[in-house]
Amino acid sequence: MSANSLPHGSEDVLALPAGQIPDTISALVRKREFSSLVCRIHREIRSPDPALRAKGTEALQRLGFPE
């Protein structure tokens, strides 16, 4: 993910520095892309792959969603 691009999945969210998360969420909401990101992460959480599920869960927590 480049410095100016927005996250598209768990890996991108987890790669964000913590200080950039609030501004990134705001940008995603402005562009009406936040819901799509959360849907992609939810698909990862429903994966049969435990590692992918763990990344998805961690990404949602990083975005401020409770466990």
PDB file of N, CA and C in Angstrom:
ATOM      1  N   MET A   1       0.851  -1.171   0.000  1.00  0.00           N
ATOM      2  CA  MET A   1       0.000   0.000   0.000  1.00  0.00           C
ATOM      3  C   MET A   1       0.894   1.229   0.000  1.00  0.00           C
ATOM      4  N   SER A   2       0.701   2.137  -0.951  1.00  0.00           N
ATOM      5  CA  SER A   2       1.504   3.354  -1.002  1.00  0.00           C
ATOM      6  C   SER A   2       1.024   4.346   0.047  1.00  0.00           C
ATOM      7  N   ALA A   3       1.809   5.384   0.251  1.00  0.00           N
ATOM      8  CA  ALA A   3       1.501   6.357   1.304  1.00  0.00           C
ATOM      9  C   ALA A   3       0.155   7.046   1.086  1.00  0.00           C
ATOM     10  N   ASN A   4      -0.273   7.210  -0.160  1.00  0.00           N
ATOM     11  CA  ASN A   4      -1.510   7.935  -0.445  1.00  0.00           C
ATOM     12  C   ASN A   4      -2.705   7.030  -0.675  1.00  0.00           C
ATOM     13  N   SER A   5      -2.508   5.728  -0.723  1.00  0.00           N
ATOM     14  CA  SER A   5      -3.635   4.839  -0.995  1.00  0.00           C
ATOM     15  C   SER A   5      -4.322   4.439   0.305  1.00  0.00           C
ATOM     16  N   LEU A   6      -5.554   4.034   0.153  1.00  0.00           N
ATOM     17  CA  LEU A   6      -6.345   3.612   1.306  1.00  0.00           C
ATOM     18  C   LEU A   6      -6.291   2.095   1.429  1.00  0.00           C
ATOM     19  N   PRO A   7      -6.501   1.562   2.631  1.00  0.00           N
ATOM     20  CA  PRO A   7      -6.442   0.109   2.824  1.00  0.00           C
ATOM     21  C   PRO A   7      -7.579  -0.604   2.103  1.00  0.00           C
ATOM     22  N   HIS A   8      -7.277  -1.808   1.631  1.00  0.00           N
ATOM     23  CA  HIS A   8      -8.267  -2.625   0.926  1.00  0.00           C
ATOM     24  C   HIS A   8      -8.497  -3.967   1.601  1.00  0.00           C
ATOM     25  N   GLY A   9      -7.819  -4.235   2.703  1.00  0.00           N
ATOM     26  CA  GLY A   9      -7.981  -5.501   3.407  1.00  0.00           C
ATOM     27  C   GLY A   9      -7.231  -5.483   4.722  1.00  0.00           C
ATOM     28  N   SER A  10      -7.271  -6.603   5.411  1.00  0.00           N
ATOM     29  CA  SER A  10      -6.649  -6.719   6.733  1.00  0.00           C
ATOM     30  C   SER A  10      -5.169  -6.381   6.717  1.00  0.00           C
ATOM     31  N   GLU A  11      -4.456  -6.908   5.746  1.00  0.00           N
ATOM     32  CA  GLU A  11      -3.003  -6.674   5.683  1.00  0.00           C
ATOM     33  C   GLU A  11      -2.706  -5.183   5.607  1.00  0.00           C
ATOM     34  N   ASP A  12      -3.477  -4.457   4.796  1.00  0.00           N
ATOM     35  CA  ASP A  12      -3.273  -3.014   4.661  1.00  0.00           C
ATOM     36  C   ASP A  12      -3.567  -2.293   5.973  1.00  0.00           C
ATOM     37  N   VAL A  13      -4.643  -2.679   6.634  1.00  0.00           N
ATOM     38  CA  VAL A  13      -4.999  -2.055   7.913  1.00  0.00           C
ATOM     39  C   VAL A  13      -3.901  -2.316   8.937  1.00  0.00           C
ATOM     40  N   LEU A  14      -3.418  -3.538   8.991  1.00  0.00           N
ATOM     41  CA  LEU A  14      -2.387  -3.890   9.969  1.00  0.00           C
ATOM     42  C   LEU A  14      -1.058  -3.197   9.676  1.00  0.00           C
ATOM     43  N   ALA A  15      -0.834  -2.809   8.423  1.00  0.00           N
ATOM     44  CA  ALA A  15       0.407  -2.129   8.047  1.00  0.00           C
ATOM     45  C   ALA A  15       0.369  -0.633   8.361  1.00  0.00           C
ATOM     46  N   LEU A  16      -0.811  -0.098   8.638  1.00  0.00           N
ATOM     47  CA  LEU A  16      -0.933   1.335   8.929  1.00  0.00           C
ATOM     48  C   LEU A  16      -0.309   1.676  10.280  1.00  0.00           C
ATOM     49  N   PRO A  17       0.437   2.768  10.344  1.00  0.00           N
ATOM     50  CA  PRO A  17       0.883   3.241  11.659  1.00  0.00           C
ATOM     51  C   PRO A  17      -0.343   3.658  12.482  1.00  0.00           C
ATOM     52  N   ALA A  18      -0.311   3.412  13.765  1.00  0.00           N
ATOM     53  CA  ALA A  18      -1.463   3.694  14.627  1.00  0.00           C
ATOM     54  C   ALA A  18      -1.928   5.144  14.520  1.00  0.00           C
ATOM     55  N   GLY A  19      -1.006   6.062  14.354  1.00  0.00           N
ATOM     56  CA  GLY A  19      -1.362   7.472  14.266  1.00  0.00           C
ATOM     57  C   GLY A  19      -2.124   7.851  13.014  1.00  0.00           C
ATOM     58  N   GLN A  20      -2.086   7.000  11.990  1.00  0.00           N
ATOM     59  CA  GLN A  20      -2.782   7.293  10.734  1.00  0.00           C
ATOM     60  C   GLN A  20      -4.186   6.698  10.681  1.00  0.00           C
ATOM     61  N   ILE A  21      -4.529   5.876  11.634  1.00  0.00           N
ATOM     62  CA  ILE A  21      -5.818   5.180  11.574  1.00  0.00           C
ATOM     63  C   ILE A  21      -7.006   6.143  11.604  1.00  0.00           C
ATOM     64  N   PRO A  22      -7.060   7.123  12.510  1.00  0.00           N
ATOM     65  CA  PRO A  22      -8.225   8.024  12.502  1.00  0.00           C
ATOM     66  C   PRO A  22      -8.412   8.764  11.172  1.00  0.00           C
ATOM     67  N   ASP A  23      -7.320   9.294  10.609  1.00  0.00           N
ATOM     68  CA  ASP A  23      -7.426  10.004   9.331  1.00  0.00           C
ATOM     69  C   ASP A  23      -7.798   9.055   8.200  1.00  0.00           C
ATOM     70  N   THR A  24      -7.301   7.840   8.259  1.00  0.00           N
ATOM     71  CA  THR A  24      -7.629   6.850   7.231  1.00  0.00           C
ATOM     72  C   THR A  24      -9.106   6.487   7.289  1.00  0.00           C
ATOM     73  N   ILE A  25      -9.634   6.291   8.490  1.00  0.00           N
ATOM     74  CA  ILE A  25     -11.064   5.993   8.631  1.00  0.00           C
ATOM     75  C   ILE A  25     -11.882   7.156   8.082  1.00  0.00           C
ATOM     76  N   SER A  26     -11.494   8.377   8.410  1.00  0.00           N
ATOM     77  CA  SER A  26     -12.210   9.554   7.898  1.00  0.00           C
ATOM     78  C   SER A  26     -12.188   9.596   6.376  1.00  0.00           C
ATOM     79  N   ALA A  27     -11.035   9.313   5.783  1.00  0.00           N
ATOM     80  CA  ALA A  27     -10.924   9.317   4.321  1.00  0.00           C
ATOM     81  C   ALA A  27     -11.788   8.223   3.703  1.00  0.00           C
ATOM     82  N   LEU A  28     -11.791   7.045   4.311  1.00  0.00           N
ATOM     83  CA  LEU A  28     -12.622   5.949   3.805  1.00  0.00           C
ATOM     84  C   LEU A  28     -14.102   6.312   3.877  1.00  0.00           C
ATOM     85  N   VAL A  29     -14.517   6.942   4.957  1.00  0.00           N
ATOM     86  CA  VAL A  29     -15.918   7.342   5.108  1.00  0.00           C
ATOM     87  C   VAL A  29     -16.264   8.399   4.066  1.00  0.00           C
ATOM     88  N   ARG A  30     -15.396   9.402   3.894  1.00  0.00           N
ATOM     89  CA  ARG A  30     -15.638  10.452   2.891  1.00  0.00           C
ATOM     90  C   ARG A  30     -15.803   9.863   1.499  1.00  0.00           C
ATOM     91  N   LYS A  31     -14.986   8.868   1.171  1.00  0.00           N
ATOM     92  CA  LYS A  31     -15.042   8.241  -0.156  1.00  0.00           C
ATOM     93  C   LYS A  31     -16.080   7.128  -0.231  1.00  0.00           C
ATOM     94  N   ARG A  32     -16.798   6.927   0.876  1.00  0.00           N
ATOM     95  CA  ARG A  32     -17.831   5.897   0.964  1.00  0.00           C
ATOM     96  C   ARG A  32     -17.253   4.499   0.702  1.00  0.00           C
ATOM     97  N   GLU A  33     -16.055   4.244   1.235  1.00  0.00           N
ATOM     98  CA  GLU A  33     -15.374   2.964   1.048  1.00  0.00           C
ATOM     99  C   GLU A  33     -15.168   2.202   2.356  1.00  0.00           C
ATOM    100  N   PHE A  34     -15.559   2.805   3.482  1.00  0.00           N
ATOM    101  CA  PHE A  34     -15.328   2.157   4.772  1.00  0.00           C
ATOM    102  C   PHE A  34     -16.132   0.866   4.893  1.00  0.00           C
ATOM    103  N   SER A  35     -17.388   0.916   4.510  1.00  0.00           N
ATOM    104  CA  SER A  35     -18.250  -0.267   4.591  1.00  0.00           C
ATOM    105  C   SER A  35     -17.695  -1.411   3.740  1.00  0.00           C
ATOM    106  N   SER A  36     -17.199  -1.086   2.557  1.00  0.00           N
ATOM    107  CA  SER A  36     -16.621  -2.119   1.683  1.00  0.00           C
ATOM    108  C   SER A  36     -15.405  -2.771   2.327  1.00  0.00           C
ATOM    109  N   LEU A  37     -14.569  -1.956   2.964  1.00  0.00           N
ATOM    110  CA  LEU A  37     -13.397  -2.500   3.657  1.00  0.00           C
ATOM    111  C   LEU A  37     -13.828  -3.441   4.771  1.00  0.00           C
ATOM    112  N   VAL A  38     -14.798  -3.016   5.574  1.00  0.00           N
ATOM    113  CA  VAL A  38     -15.268  -3.851   6.685  1.00  0.00           C
ATOM    114  C   VAL A  38     -15.867  -5.152   6.148  1.00  0.00           C
ATOM    115  N   CYS A  39     -16.593  -5.091   5.040  1.00  0.00           N
ATOM    116  CA  CYS A  39     -17.157  -6.312   4.430  1.00  0.00           C
ATOM    117  C   CYS A  39     -16.049  -7.266   3.986  1.00  0.00           C
ATOM    118  N   ARG A  40     -14.992  -6.725   3.378  1.00  0.00           N
ATOM    119  CA  ARG A  40     -13.868  -7.583   2.957  1.00  0.00           C
ATOM    120  C   ARG A  40     -13.212  -8.235   4.169  1.00  0.00           C
ATOM    121  N   ILE A  41     -13.054  -7.474   5.233  1.00  0.00           N
ATOM    122  CA  ILE A  41     -12.439  -8.028   6.442  1.00  0.00           C
ATOM    123  C   ILE A  41     -13.344  -9.099   7.050  1.00  0.00           C
ATOM    124  N   HIS A  42     -14.650  -8.877   7.035  1.00  0.00           N
ATOM    125  CA  HIS A  42     -15.574  -9.899   7.553  1.00  0.00           C
ATOM    126  C   HIS A  42     -15.476 -11.192   6.741  1.00  0.00           C
ATOM    127  N   ARG A  43     -15.285 -11.082   5.427  1.00  0.00           N
ATOM    128  CA  ARG A  43     -15.102 -12.292   4.602  1.00  0.00           C
ATOM    129  C   ARG A  43     -13.846 -13.038   5.041  1.00  0.00           C
ATOM    130  N   GLU A  44     -12.801 -12.290   5.373  1.00  0.00           N
ATOM    131  CA  GLU A  44     -11.566 -12.922   5.848  1.00  0.00           C
ATOM    132  C   GLU A  44     -11.811 -13.633   7.181  1.00  0.00           C
ATOM    133  N   ILE A  45     -12.613 -13.026   8.042  1.00  0.00           N
ATOM    134  CA  ILE A  45     -12.911 -13.624   9.348  1.00  0.00           C
ATOM    135  C   ILE A  45     -13.692 -14.926   9.190  1.00  0.00           C
ATOM    136  N   ARG A  46     -14.477 -15.036   8.138  1.00  0.00           N
ATOM    137  CA  ARG A  46     -15.253 -16.263   7.899  1.00  0.00           C
ATOM    138  C   ARG A  46     -14.457 -17.321   7.130  1.00  0.00           C
ATOM    139  N   SER A  47     -13.211 -17.044   6.839  1.00  0.00           N
ATOM    140  CA  SER A  47     -12.362 -17.970   6.100  1.00  0.00           C
ATOM    141  C   SER A  47     -12.095 -19.234   6.916  1.00  0.00           C
ATOM    142  N   PRO A  48     -11.897 -20.371   6.238  1.00  0.00           N
ATOM    143  CA  PRO A  48     -11.508 -21.583   6.959  1.00  0.00           C
ATOM    144  C   PRO A  48     -10.046 -21.528   7.442  1.00  0.00           C
ATOM    145  N   ASP A  49      -9.279 -20.562   6.937  1.00  0.00           N
ATOM    146  CA  ASP A  49      -7.868 -20.418   7.297  1.00  0.00           C
ATOM    147  C   ASP A  49      -7.745 -19.659   8.627  1.00  0.00           C
ATOM    148  N   PRO A  50      -7.245 -20.312   9.687  1.00  0.00           N
ATOM    149  CA  PRO A  50      -7.138 -19.657  10.994  1.00  0.00           C
ATOM    150  C   PRO A  50      -6.255 -18.399  10.975  1.00  0.00           C
ATOM    151  N   ALA A  51      -5.196 -18.406  10.176  1.00  0.00           N
ATOM    152  CA  ALA A  51      -4.308 -17.237  10.112  1.00  0.00           C
ATOM    153  C   ALA A  51      -5.040 -16.036   9.519  1.00  0.00           C
ATOM    154  N   LEU A  52      -5.831 -16.279   8.485  1.00  0.00           N
ATOM    155  CA  LEU A  52      -6.604 -15.204   7.857  1.00  0.00           C
ATOM    156  C   LEU A  52      -7.673 -14.683   8.812  1.00  0.00           C
ATOM    157  N   ARG A  53      -8.300 -15.591   9.541  1.00  0.00           N
ATOM    158  CA  ARG A  53      -9.302 -15.174  10.541  1.00  0.00           C
ATOM    159  C   ARG A  53      -8.658 -14.302  11.611  1.00  0.00           C
ATOM    160  N   ALA A  54      -7.478 -14.689  12.064  1.00  0.00           N
ATOM    161  CA  ALA A  54      -6.782 -13.920  13.101  1.00  0.00           C
ATOM    162  C   ALA A  54      -6.419 -12.524  12.595  1.00  0.00           C
ATOM    163  N   LYS A  55      -5.942 -12.434  11.354  1.00  0.00           N
ATOM    164  CA  LYS A  55      -5.607 -11.125  10.780  1.00  0.00           C
ATOM    165  C   LYS A  55      -6.852 -10.253  10.662  1.00  0.00           C
ATOM    166  N   GLY A  56      -7.943 -10.843  10.229  1.00  0.00           N
ATOM    167  CA  GLY A  56      -9.190 -10.087  10.103  1.00  0.00           C
ATOM    168  C   GLY A  56      -9.668  -9.561  11.438  1.00  0.00           C
ATOM    169  N   THR A  57      -9.604 -10.400  12.450  1.00  0.00           N
ATOM    170  CA  THR A  57     -10.018  -9.990  13.795  1.00  0.00           C
ATOM    171  C   THR A  57      -9.132  -8.862  14.306  1.00  0.00           C
ATOM    172  N   GLU A  58      -7.840  -8.999  14.113  1.00  0.00           N
ATOM    173  CA  GLU A  58      -6.907  -7.963  14.565  1.00  0.00           C
ATOM    174  C   GLU A  58      -7.134  -6.650  13.813  1.00  0.00           C
ATOM    175  N   ALA A  59      -7.417  -6.748  12.518  1.00  0.00           N
ATOM    176  CA  ALA A  59      -7.661  -5.537  11.722  1.00  0.00           C
ATOM    177  C   ALA A  59      -8.904  -4.806  12.211  1.00  0.00           C
ATOM    178  N   LEU A  60      -9.973  -5.541  12.495  1.00  0.00           N
ATOM    179  CA  LEU A  60     -11.191  -4.889  12.995  1.00  0.00           C
ATOM    180  C   LEU A  60     -10.938  -4.230  14.349  1.00  0.00           C
ATOM    181  N   GLN A  61     -10.184  -4.892  15.205  1.00  0.00           N
ATOM    182  CA  GLN A  61      -9.861  -4.300  16.508  1.00  0.00           C
ATOM    183  C   GLN A  61      -9.038  -3.031  16.327  1.00  0.00           C
ATOM    184  N   ARG A  62      -8.137  -3.058  15.385  1.00  0.00           N
ATOM    185  CA  ARG A  62      -7.297  -1.887  15.105  1.00  0.00           C
ATOM    186  C   ARG A  62      -8.130  -0.714  14.595  1.00  0.00           C
ATOM    187  N   LEU A  63      -9.229  -1.031  13.907  1.00  0.00           N
ATOM    188  CA  LEU A  63     -10.135   0.014  13.417  1.00  0.00           C
ATOM    189  C   LEU A  63     -11.092   0.498  14.504  1.00  0.00           C
ATOM    190  N   GLY A  64     -11.032  -0.124  15.676  1.00  0.00           N
ATOM    191  CA  GLY A  64     -11.842   0.334  16.794  1.00  0.00           C
ATOM    192  C   GLY A  64     -13.062  -0.502  17.104  1.00  0.00           C
ATOM    193  N   PHE A  65     -13.228  -1.618  16.400  1.00  0.00           N
ATOM    194  CA  PHE A  65     -14.354  -2.503  16.680  1.00  0.00           C
ATOM    195  C   PHE A  65     -13.998  -3.408  17.856  1.00  0.00           C
ATOM    196  N   PRO A  66     -14.948  -3.635  18.770  1.00  0.00           N
ATOM    197  CA  PRO A  66     -14.658  -4.529  19.900  1.00  0.00           C
ATOM    198  C   PRO A  66     -14.559  -5.976  19.438  1.00  0.00           C
ATOM    199  N   GLU A  67     -13.990  -6.798  20.280  1.00  0.00           N
ATOM    200  CA  GLU A  67     -13.823  -8.224  19.973  1.00  0.00           C
ATOM    201  C   GLU A  67     -15.100  -8.936  19.710  1.00  0.00           C
TER     202      GLU A  67
END
